[in-house]
Amino acid sequence: MGTESGARPVAVVSVSTMSMAFGSILGFLPGFIATALRADLGLDRWQVGLLVSVHYGVTGLGSLPAGRLTDRWGARRAVLTDMALVMLAAALAASLGSYPALLVAAALSGFGYALTIVGTNVAMVRLVAPRWRTVAMVTKNAGLPCLSAVCAAAGPWIAQRWGWEWMFAALGVGAAGVAVSALRVLPDDRPEGRGKVEHPLPEHFGWFPVAAFLMVAGAVPLYNWSVPYVDESLGASSVVSGVLVGVAAAVGAAAMVVVGVLASRAGPEGRTRLVMTLSVDSPLPWVLFGFVRYRVRLAMTLCLALSGFVALVMAGGPFGVWVALVGIVGGISLFTASIGALHAAAVDRAGPAVARATAVTTTGYFLGLTVSPVTFGAFVDSSGSYGWAWFAAAMLLVGAAVAFRLAGRLPPGA
């Protein structure tokens, strides 16, 4: 790719953050407005979950093609294509207001999101100094929880008062604004020649997509199903539930930046262990992180013993809504924080194969996002209870910790 760029790194990170937020939000929105969708369209829970699964399933399937397209188009064209697809998807959902339209919208925005993930990672590697790259990547991924905080808090209220279609319309307008910013800020980085060097991934790198799959499959129900869970099982209204989940997402955004700073200071050796520890949603790793960097067995003990926040969510049924809310806030915060550190750890061990590493890790990540929402919803529908579904999520997080431990055996820069 060309090397010229007049773009300031701070501006590039800002645009990348907004692109990630608007590129992914249509995947999370159905969970935030699930009550309104079910009432208006007569949907079962698994059908709401299917919307999320289609979005992220297409993202996962499209990750490898998106990597090749980004190599051909450059980061700016990849991001602009995503924003165009988000605008089209939002327009279809808002204007037609039907379940088939929502499915098509989910697929369109899902493929676009794959382009933005790869494109923004490429932009980070090209334009941000290595010393600050982890913080930049973590900050970039904080865009989703920031926008999720707004949508989770405002979405149920807007859907109840004016209709859920207005949420899609507003997000389409926002995507148009991001497209204008990307056009102005991101450099034209199209390849200057036809030649392309293929960089193979290191041996054993496959543990990263496995770990990403397990982590996401276990933790993403905290995003997708917390609002209906608190509404249907614990007696709080959907509006109150949305506000509380929004607060959790906002806390998660701040936590992501903090983890980025910690990961930068830790260096390559510490990052995978940080992700492994955070994947069990425990507050203790924040205190013990300095020790965990060097003591893998201690980190493994924490991973196996402290999937605490999901357990608290599960305990909300017998012990009350506030117990569950502590689990939701803590779980969303630390899951959100682990996402950026996951990307940083994978890039550390990818050597020169950054685009391929991003695509492969993203495939596992979004396979988890594909399987989890619809499976969780179907599990609740069939069992009539959220309890066993939350238990299964906690076990997946334990498996994620084991997989990250195995991924951590790969030396940095392999």
Protein backbone atom coordinates (compact mmCIF):
# COMPACT_ATOMS: atom_id res chain seq x y z
CA MET A 1 0.00 0.00 0.00
CA GLY A 2 1.03 3.56 -0.42
CA THR A 3 2.80 5.13 2.51
CA GLU A 4 1.82 8.75 2.14
CA SER A 5 -0.59 10.11 4.63
CA GLY A 6 -1.33 13.57 5.92
CA ALA A 7 -3.83 12.27 8.44
CA ARG A 8 -3.24 12.84 12.14
CA PRO A 9 -3.28 9.63 14.18
CA VAL A 10 -5.77 11.08 16.68
CA ALA A 11 -8.21 11.93 13.89
CA VAL A 12 -7.79 8.48 12.34
CA VAL A 13 -8.47 6.80 15.69
CA SER A 14 -11.56 8.98 16.19
CA VAL A 15 -13.00 8.11 12.78
CA SER A 16 -12.15 4.45 13.27
CA THR A 17 -13.93 4.50 16.64
CA MET A 18 -17.10 5.95 15.11
CA SER A 19 -16.89 3.53 12.18
CA MET A 20 -16.68 0.53 14.49
CA ALA A 21 -19.63 1.82 16.52
CA PHE A 22 -22.01 2.42 13.62
CA GLY A 23 -20.76 -0.61 11.71
CA SER A 24 -21.70 -2.96 14.54
CA ILE A 25 -24.68 -1.35 16.28
CA LEU A 26 -27.36 -2.86 14.03
CA GLY A 27 -26.27 -6.24 15.34
CA PHE A 28 -26.94 -5.31 18.96
CA LEU A 29 -30.02 -3.14 18.43
CA PRO A 30 -32.58 -6.00 18.23
CA GLY A 31 -31.63 -7.08 21.74
CA PHE A 32 -32.17 -3.58 23.09
CA ILE A 33 -35.63 -3.25 21.51
CA ALA A 34 -36.61 -6.92 21.75
CA THR A 35 -39.77 -6.21 23.73
CA ALA A 36 -41.08 -3.78 21.09
CA LEU A 37 -40.12 -6.08 18.20
CA ARG A 38 -41.87 -9.04 19.77
CA ALA A 39 -45.01 -7.04 20.51
CA ASP A 40 -45.21 -5.38 17.08
CA LEU A 41 -44.17 -8.28 14.83
CA GLY A 42 -45.27 -11.22 16.97
CA LEU A 43 -41.78 -12.70 17.23
CA ASP A 44 -40.46 -15.43 19.48
CA ARG A 45 -37.22 -14.88 21.35
CA TRP A 46 -35.28 -17.11 18.98
CA GLN A 47 -36.39 -14.94 16.06
CA VAL A 48 -35.01 -11.85 17.76
CA GLY A 49 -31.82 -13.75 18.44
CA LEU A 50 -31.68 -14.83 14.80
CA LEU A 51 -31.43 -11.18 13.70
CA VAL A 52 -28.30 -10.80 15.80
CA SER A 53 -26.95 -14.15 14.61
CA VAL A 54 -27.47 -13.30 10.93
CA HIS A 55 -25.66 -9.99 11.33
CA TYR A 56 -22.61 -11.46 13.01
CA GLY A 57 -22.75 -14.70 11.05
CA VAL A 58 -22.35 -12.76 7.83
CA THR A 59 -19.58 -10.76 9.51
CA GLY A 60 -17.76 -13.97 10.38
CA LEU A 61 -18.24 -15.53 6.94
CA GLY A 62 -17.24 -12.27 5.30
CA SER A 63 -14.08 -11.72 7.32
CA LEU A 64 -11.67 -13.52 4.97
CA PRO A 65 -13.18 -11.93 1.82
CA ALA A 66 -13.12 -8.58 3.62
CA GLY A 67 -9.41 -9.01 4.25
CA ARG A 68 -8.78 -9.60 0.56
CA LEU A 69 -11.01 -6.68 -0.48
CA THR A 70 -9.31 -4.33 1.96
CA ASP A 71 -5.91 -5.31 0.55
CA ARG A 72 -7.28 -4.38 -2.88
CA TRP A 73 -9.31 -1.27 -1.99
CA GLY A 74 -7.49 0.23 0.96
CA ALA A 75 -8.85 1.07 4.40
CA ARG A 76 -10.78 4.18 3.37
CA ARG A 77 -12.84 2.47 0.68
CA ALA A 78 -13.53 -0.44 3.01
CA VAL A 79 -14.91 1.86 5.71
CA LEU A 80 -16.95 3.92 3.23
CA THR A 81 -18.47 0.75 1.78
CA ASP A 82 -19.51 -0.33 5.26
CA MET A 83 -21.19 2.98 6.04
CA ALA A 84 -23.07 2.79 2.72
CA LEU A 85 -24.30 -0.69 3.62
CA VAL A 86 -25.37 0.46 7.10
CA MET A 87 -27.35 3.34 5.57
CA LEU A 88 -29.03 0.96 3.11
CA ALA A 89 -29.81 -1.56 5.86
CA ALA A 90 -31.25 1.09 8.16
CA ALA A 91 -33.39 2.50 5.35
CA LEU A 92 -34.81 -0.93 4.53
CA ALA A 93 -35.66 -1.70 8.15
CA ALA A 94 -37.18 1.71 8.85
CA SER A 95 -39.23 1.96 5.66
CA LEU A 96 -40.53 -1.61 5.36
CA GLY A 97 -40.88 -2.44 9.05
CA SER A 98 -41.13 -6.20 8.53
CA TYR A 99 -39.19 -9.20 9.78
CA PRO A 100 -37.85 -10.16 6.30
CA ALA A 101 -36.58 -6.59 5.91
CA LEU A 102 -34.84 -6.87 9.27
CA LEU A 103 -33.14 -10.10 8.15
CA VAL A 104 -31.88 -8.48 4.95
CA ALA A 105 -30.71 -5.45 6.91
CA ALA A 106 -28.84 -7.71 9.33
CA ALA A 107 -27.01 -9.44 6.48
CA LEU A 108 -26.05 -6.20 4.70
CA SER A 109 -24.74 -4.48 7.80
CA GLY A 110 -22.99 -7.68 8.89
CA PHE A 111 -20.82 -7.88 5.79
CA GLY A 112 -20.09 -4.18 5.98
CA TYR A 113 -18.88 -4.57 9.53
CA ALA A 114 -16.31 -7.15 8.41
CA LEU A 115 -14.85 -4.53 6.08
CA THR A 116 -14.60 -1.95 8.85
CA ILE A 117 -12.90 -4.32 11.29
CA VAL A 118 -10.13 -5.17 8.85
CA GLY A 119 -9.91 -1.66 7.42
CA THR A 120 -9.57 0.09 10.76
CA ASN A 121 -6.98 -2.43 11.98
CA VAL A 122 -4.93 -1.81 8.86
CA ALA A 123 -5.23 1.94 9.43
CA MET A 124 -4.05 1.53 13.04
CA VAL A 125 -0.97 -0.44 11.99
CA ARG A 126 -0.08 2.07 9.28
CA LEU A 127 -0.71 5.33 11.09
CA VAL A 128 -0.22 4.77 14.82
CA ALA A 129 3.19 4.33 16.44
CA PRO A 130 3.75 0.85 17.94
CA ARG A 131 4.04 2.29 21.44
CA TRP A 132 0.46 3.58 21.29
CA ARG A 133 -1.06 0.99 19.00
CA THR A 134 -2.69 -1.10 21.73
CA VAL A 135 -4.33 1.96 23.28
CA ALA A 136 -5.51 3.01 19.81
CA MET A 137 -7.02 -0.40 19.08
CA VAL A 138 -8.73 -0.58 22.45
CA THR A 139 -10.08 2.96 22.05
CA LYS A 140 -11.32 2.08 18.57
CA ASN A 141 -13.29 -0.82 19.98
CA ALA A 142 -14.73 1.40 22.72
CA GLY A 143 -16.98 3.02 20.13
CA LEU A 144 -19.48 0.18 20.28
CA PRO A 145 -20.14 0.31 24.04
CA CYS A 146 -20.44 4.09 23.89
CA LEU A 147 -23.10 3.91 21.18
CA SER A 148 -24.63 0.86 22.85
CA ALA A 149 -25.02 2.85 26.05
CA VAL A 150 -27.12 5.41 24.16
CA CYS A 151 -29.15 2.81 22.26
CA ALA A 152 -29.77 0.60 25.29
CA ALA A 153 -30.94 3.58 27.32
CA ALA A 154 -32.95 5.37 24.62
CA GLY A 155 -33.99 2.48 22.37
CA PRO A 156 -36.77 0.93 24.51
CA TRP A 157 -38.22 4.38 25.26
CA ILE A 158 -38.16 5.53 21.62
CA ALA A 159 -39.57 2.20 20.43
CA GLN A 160 -42.35 2.38 22.99
CA ARG A 161 -43.23 6.01 22.29
CA TRP A 162 -42.79 6.40 18.51
CA GLY A 163 -41.94 2.97 17.11
CA TRP A 164 -38.77 0.91 16.75
CA GLU A 165 -38.36 2.01 13.11
CA TRP A 166 -37.17 5.42 14.31
CA MET A 167 -34.13 3.84 15.95
CA PHE A 168 -33.02 2.39 12.61
CA ALA A 169 -33.64 5.71 10.87
CA ALA A 170 -31.54 7.61 13.40
CA LEU A 171 -28.66 5.16 13.10
CA GLY A 172 -28.76 5.45 9.31
CA VAL A 173 -28.37 9.22 9.57
CA GLY A 174 -25.48 8.74 11.98
CA ALA A 175 -23.75 6.39 9.55
CA ALA A 176 -23.98 9.06 6.86
CA GLY A 177 -22.16 11.48 9.15
CA VAL A 178 -19.44 8.92 9.81
CA ALA A 179 -19.03 8.38 6.06
CA VAL A 180 -18.40 12.08 5.53
CA SER A 181 -15.82 12.10 8.32
CA ALA A 182 -14.08 9.01 6.94
CA LEU A 183 -13.90 10.55 3.48
CA ARG A 184 -12.23 13.66 4.90
CA VAL A 185 -9.88 12.04 7.42
CA LEU A 186 -8.74 8.62 6.20
CA PRO A 187 -5.99 8.72 3.58
CA ASP A 188 -6.39 7.17 0.14
CA ASP A 189 -4.33 4.03 0.73
CA ARG A 190 -5.16 1.97 -2.32
CA PRO A 191 -2.36 -0.41 -3.37
CA GLU A 192 0.11 1.20 -5.76
CA GLY A 193 1.00 -2.01 -7.56
CA ARG A 194 -0.45 -5.40 -8.38
CA GLY A 195 2.11 -7.43 -6.51
CA LYS A 196 1.15 -8.77 -3.12
CA VAL A 197 3.20 -10.66 -0.56
CA GLU A 198 1.42 -13.48 1.28
CA HIS A 199 2.46 -13.77 4.92
CA PRO A 200 1.62 -17.12 6.53
CA LEU A 201 0.28 -17.26 10.05
CA PRO A 202 2.49 -18.81 12.75
CA GLU A 203 1.94 -22.40 13.79
CA HIS A 204 -0.59 -22.83 16.63
CA PHE A 205 -2.16 -19.44 15.89
CA GLY A 206 -5.47 -21.30 15.53
CA TRP A 207 -5.98 -21.13 19.30
CA PHE A 208 -6.81 -17.43 18.95
CA PRO A 209 -10.02 -17.91 16.92
CA VAL A 210 -11.00 -20.80 19.23
CA ALA A 211 -10.50 -18.62 22.28
CA ALA A 212 -12.32 -15.71 20.66
CA PHE A 213 -15.27 -17.97 19.80
CA LEU A 214 -15.63 -19.29 23.34
CA MET A 215 -15.22 -15.88 24.95
CA VAL A 216 -17.84 -14.24 22.77
CA ALA A 217 -20.28 -17.15 22.85
CA GLY A 218 -20.21 -17.07 26.63
CA ALA A 219 -20.25 -13.33 27.22
CA VAL A 220 -22.34 -11.77 24.46
CA PRO A 221 -25.70 -12.79 26.03
CA LEU A 222 -24.92 -10.10 28.60
CA TYR A 223 -25.38 -7.60 25.77
CA ASN A 224 -28.17 -9.26 23.81
CA TRP A 225 -30.37 -10.71 26.53
CA SER A 226 -29.88 -8.61 29.66
CA VAL A 227 -32.70 -6.17 28.87
CA PRO A 228 -35.38 -8.84 28.19
CA TYR A 229 -34.06 -10.95 31.11
CA VAL A 230 -34.41 -8.16 33.63
CA ASP A 231 -37.77 -7.18 32.11
CA GLU A 232 -39.34 -10.64 31.83
CA SER A 233 -37.79 -12.57 34.73
CA LEU A 234 -36.90 -9.99 37.36
CA GLY A 235 -39.83 -7.58 37.09
CA ALA A 236 -38.16 -4.34 35.97
CA SER A 237 -39.61 -2.43 32.99
CA SER A 238 -37.88 -2.56 29.62
CA VAL A 239 -37.10 1.18 29.83
CA VAL A 240 -35.45 0.86 33.24
CA SER A 241 -33.63 -2.27 32.09
CA GLY A 242 -32.33 -0.47 29.02
CA VAL A 243 -31.01 2.44 31.07
CA LEU A 244 -29.18 0.09 33.42
CA VAL A 245 -27.61 -1.89 30.59
CA GLY A 246 -26.66 1.41 28.97
CA VAL A 247 -24.82 2.42 32.14
CA ALA A 248 -23.01 -0.92 32.08
CA ALA A 249 -21.94 -0.35 28.47
CA ALA A 250 -20.66 3.12 29.32
CA VAL A 251 -18.60 1.72 32.18
CA GLY A 252 -17.28 -0.86 29.75
CA ALA A 253 -16.10 1.83 27.36
CA ALA A 254 -14.03 3.43 30.10
CA ALA A 255 -12.74 0.03 31.15
CA MET A 256 -11.57 -0.66 27.60
CA VAL A 257 -9.34 2.40 27.60
CA VAL A 258 -7.90 1.51 31.00
CA VAL A 259 -7.10 -1.99 29.77
CA GLY A 260 -5.45 -0.50 26.70
CA VAL A 261 -3.08 1.47 28.91
CA LEU A 262 -2.39 -1.61 31.05
CA ALA A 263 -1.77 -3.74 27.99
CA SER A 264 0.62 -1.19 26.49
CA ARG A 265 2.63 -1.15 29.69
CA ALA A 266 2.53 -4.92 29.95
CA GLY A 267 4.03 -5.43 26.51
CA PRO A 268 3.49 -8.44 24.26
CA GLU A 269 4.22 -11.03 26.97
CA GLY A 270 1.42 -9.80 29.20
CA ARG A 271 -1.39 -9.15 26.74
CA THR A 272 -2.62 -12.67 26.10
CA ARG A 273 -2.61 -13.36 29.83
CA LEU A 274 -4.61 -10.19 30.35
CA VAL A 275 -7.24 -11.34 27.84
CA MET A 276 -7.28 -14.81 29.40
CA THR A 277 -7.94 -13.32 32.82
CA LEU A 278 -10.60 -10.86 31.68
CA SER A 279 -12.43 -13.57 29.74
CA VAL A 280 -13.87 -14.95 32.98
CA ASP A 281 -15.44 -11.61 33.92
CA SER A 282 -13.81 -11.37 37.34
CA PRO A 283 -13.00 -8.11 39.16
CA LEU A 284 -9.98 -9.58 40.95
CA PRO A 285 -7.70 -9.60 37.87
CA TRP A 286 -7.70 -5.81 37.97
CA VAL A 287 -6.00 -6.01 41.37
CA LEU A 288 -3.80 -8.99 40.58
CA PHE A 289 -2.85 -8.15 37.00
CA GLY A 290 0.75 -7.35 37.88
CA PHE A 291 1.16 -10.83 39.34
CA VAL A 292 -0.85 -12.65 36.67
CA ARG A 293 1.51 -11.38 33.98
CA TYR A 294 4.19 -13.67 35.35
CA ARG A 295 2.13 -16.40 37.04
CA VAL A 296 0.11 -18.28 34.50
CA ARG A 297 -1.03 -20.90 36.99
CA LEU A 298 -2.50 -18.20 39.21
CA ALA A 299 -4.31 -16.76 36.19
CA MET A 300 -5.64 -20.21 35.31
CA THR A 301 -6.94 -20.63 38.87
CA LEU A 302 -8.72 -17.30 38.58
CA CYS A 303 -10.17 -18.31 35.20
CA LEU A 304 -11.57 -21.56 36.56
CA ALA A 305 -12.77 -20.16 39.89
CA LEU A 306 -14.07 -16.68 39.14
CA SER A 307 -16.66 -16.54 36.40
CA GLY A 308 -18.38 -14.47 39.02
CA PHE A 309 -20.37 -11.88 37.17
CA VAL A 310 -22.25 -14.32 34.97
CA ALA A 311 -22.97 -16.39 38.08
CA LEU A 312 -24.40 -13.26 39.71
CA VAL A 313 -26.65 -12.69 36.70
CA MET A 314 -27.85 -16.28 37.04
CA ALA A 315 -28.42 -15.74 40.77
CA GLY A 316 -30.71 -12.78 40.08
CA GLY A 317 -33.70 -15.11 39.87
CA PRO A 318 -33.62 -16.39 43.45
CA PHE A 319 -31.81 -13.46 45.08
CA GLY A 320 -33.27 -10.41 43.36
CA VAL A 321 -32.76 -7.92 40.59
CA TRP A 322 -29.92 -5.98 42.19
CA VAL A 323 -27.73 -9.08 42.39
CA ALA A 324 -28.26 -9.62 38.67
CA LEU A 325 -27.55 -5.98 37.90
CA VAL A 326 -24.17 -6.17 39.63
CA GLY A 327 -23.35 -9.12 37.40
CA ILE A 328 -24.60 -7.34 34.28
CA VAL A 329 -22.62 -4.16 34.92
CA GLY A 330 -19.43 -5.99 35.84
CA GLY A 331 -19.75 -8.60 33.11
CA ILE A 332 -20.43 -6.15 30.30
CA SER A 333 -17.63 -3.90 31.51
CA LEU A 334 -14.96 -6.59 31.53
CA PHE A 335 -16.15 -8.36 28.39
CA THR A 336 -16.06 -5.06 26.56
CA ALA A 337 -12.60 -4.38 27.93
CA SER A 338 -11.28 -7.75 26.75
CA ILE A 339 -12.15 -7.15 23.08
CA GLY A 340 -9.45 -4.62 22.32
CA ALA A 341 -6.86 -6.58 24.28
CA LEU A 342 -7.76 -9.68 22.25
CA HIS A 343 -6.94 -7.90 19.00
CA ALA A 344 -3.70 -6.54 20.43
CA ALA A 345 -2.59 -9.97 21.64
CA ALA A 346 -3.37 -11.55 18.26
CA VAL A 347 -1.48 -8.86 16.36
CA ASP A 348 1.50 -9.28 18.72
CA ARG A 349 1.80 -12.91 17.69
CA ALA A 350 0.93 -12.55 14.01
CA GLY A 351 4.28 -11.23 12.84
CA PRO A 352 3.84 -9.50 9.46
CA ALA A 353 0.51 -11.27 8.76
CA VAL A 354 -1.64 -8.57 10.40
CA ALA A 355 -4.50 -8.61 7.88
CA ARG A 356 -4.75 -12.41 7.89
CA ALA A 357 -4.49 -12.56 11.68
CA THR A 358 -7.30 -10.04 12.02
CA ALA A 359 -9.48 -11.93 9.54
CA VAL A 360 -8.89 -15.34 11.16
CA THR A 361 -9.41 -14.11 14.72
CA THR A 362 -12.47 -12.17 13.63
CA THR A 363 -13.91 -15.32 12.06
CA GLY A 364 -13.85 -17.10 15.41
CA TYR A 365 -15.12 -14.04 17.21
CA PHE A 366 -18.14 -13.62 14.98
CA LEU A 367 -18.85 -17.31 14.80
CA GLY A 368 -19.42 -16.98 18.53
CA LEU A 369 -21.66 -14.00 17.96
CA THR A 370 -23.57 -16.00 15.35
CA VAL A 371 -24.18 -19.08 17.45
CA SER A 372 -24.73 -17.48 20.84
CA PRO A 373 -27.78 -15.17 20.52
CA VAL A 374 -30.10 -17.58 18.72
CA THR A 375 -28.91 -20.57 20.78
CA PHE A 376 -29.38 -18.67 24.03
CA GLY A 377 -32.86 -17.55 22.99
CA ALA A 378 -33.85 -21.05 21.87
CA PHE A 379 -32.49 -22.47 25.12
CA VAL A 380 -34.67 -20.09 27.14
CA ASP A 381 -37.72 -20.79 24.95
CA SER A 382 -37.35 -24.56 25.32
CA SER A 383 -36.51 -24.63 29.03
CA GLY A 384 -38.78 -21.79 30.09
CA SER A 385 -36.00 -20.35 32.24
CA TYR A 386 -32.91 -18.17 31.84
CA GLY A 387 -30.98 -19.94 34.61
CA TRP A 388 -29.51 -22.88 32.69
CA ALA A 389 -28.66 -20.64 29.74
CA TRP A 390 -26.59 -18.37 32.01
CA PHE A 391 -24.87 -21.43 33.50
CA ALA A 392 -23.86 -22.63 30.04
CA ALA A 393 -22.49 -19.15 29.27
CA ALA A 394 -20.32 -19.28 32.39
CA MET A 395 -18.88 -22.65 31.34
CA LEU A 396 -18.01 -21.30 27.90
CA LEU A 397 -16.04 -18.52 29.57
CA VAL A 398 -14.04 -21.09 31.52
CA GLY A 399 -13.26 -22.80 28.22
CA ALA A 400 -12.17 -19.45 26.80
CA ALA A 401 -9.66 -19.07 29.61
CA VAL A 402 -8.14 -22.45 28.81
CA ALA A 403 -7.91 -21.64 25.10
CA PHE A 404 -6.25 -18.29 25.78
CA ARG A 405 -3.74 -20.08 27.96
CA LEU A 406 -2.86 -22.33 25.03
CA ALA A 407 -2.71 -19.36 22.66
CA GLY A 408 -0.34 -17.63 25.07
CA ARG A 409 2.28 -20.33 24.50
CA LEU A 410 2.94 -18.85 21.06
CA PRO A 411 5.87 -16.42 21.35
CA PRO A 412 5.30 -12.72 20.46
CA GLY A 413 6.15 -11.73 16.91
CA ALA A 414 6.27 -15.36 15.77
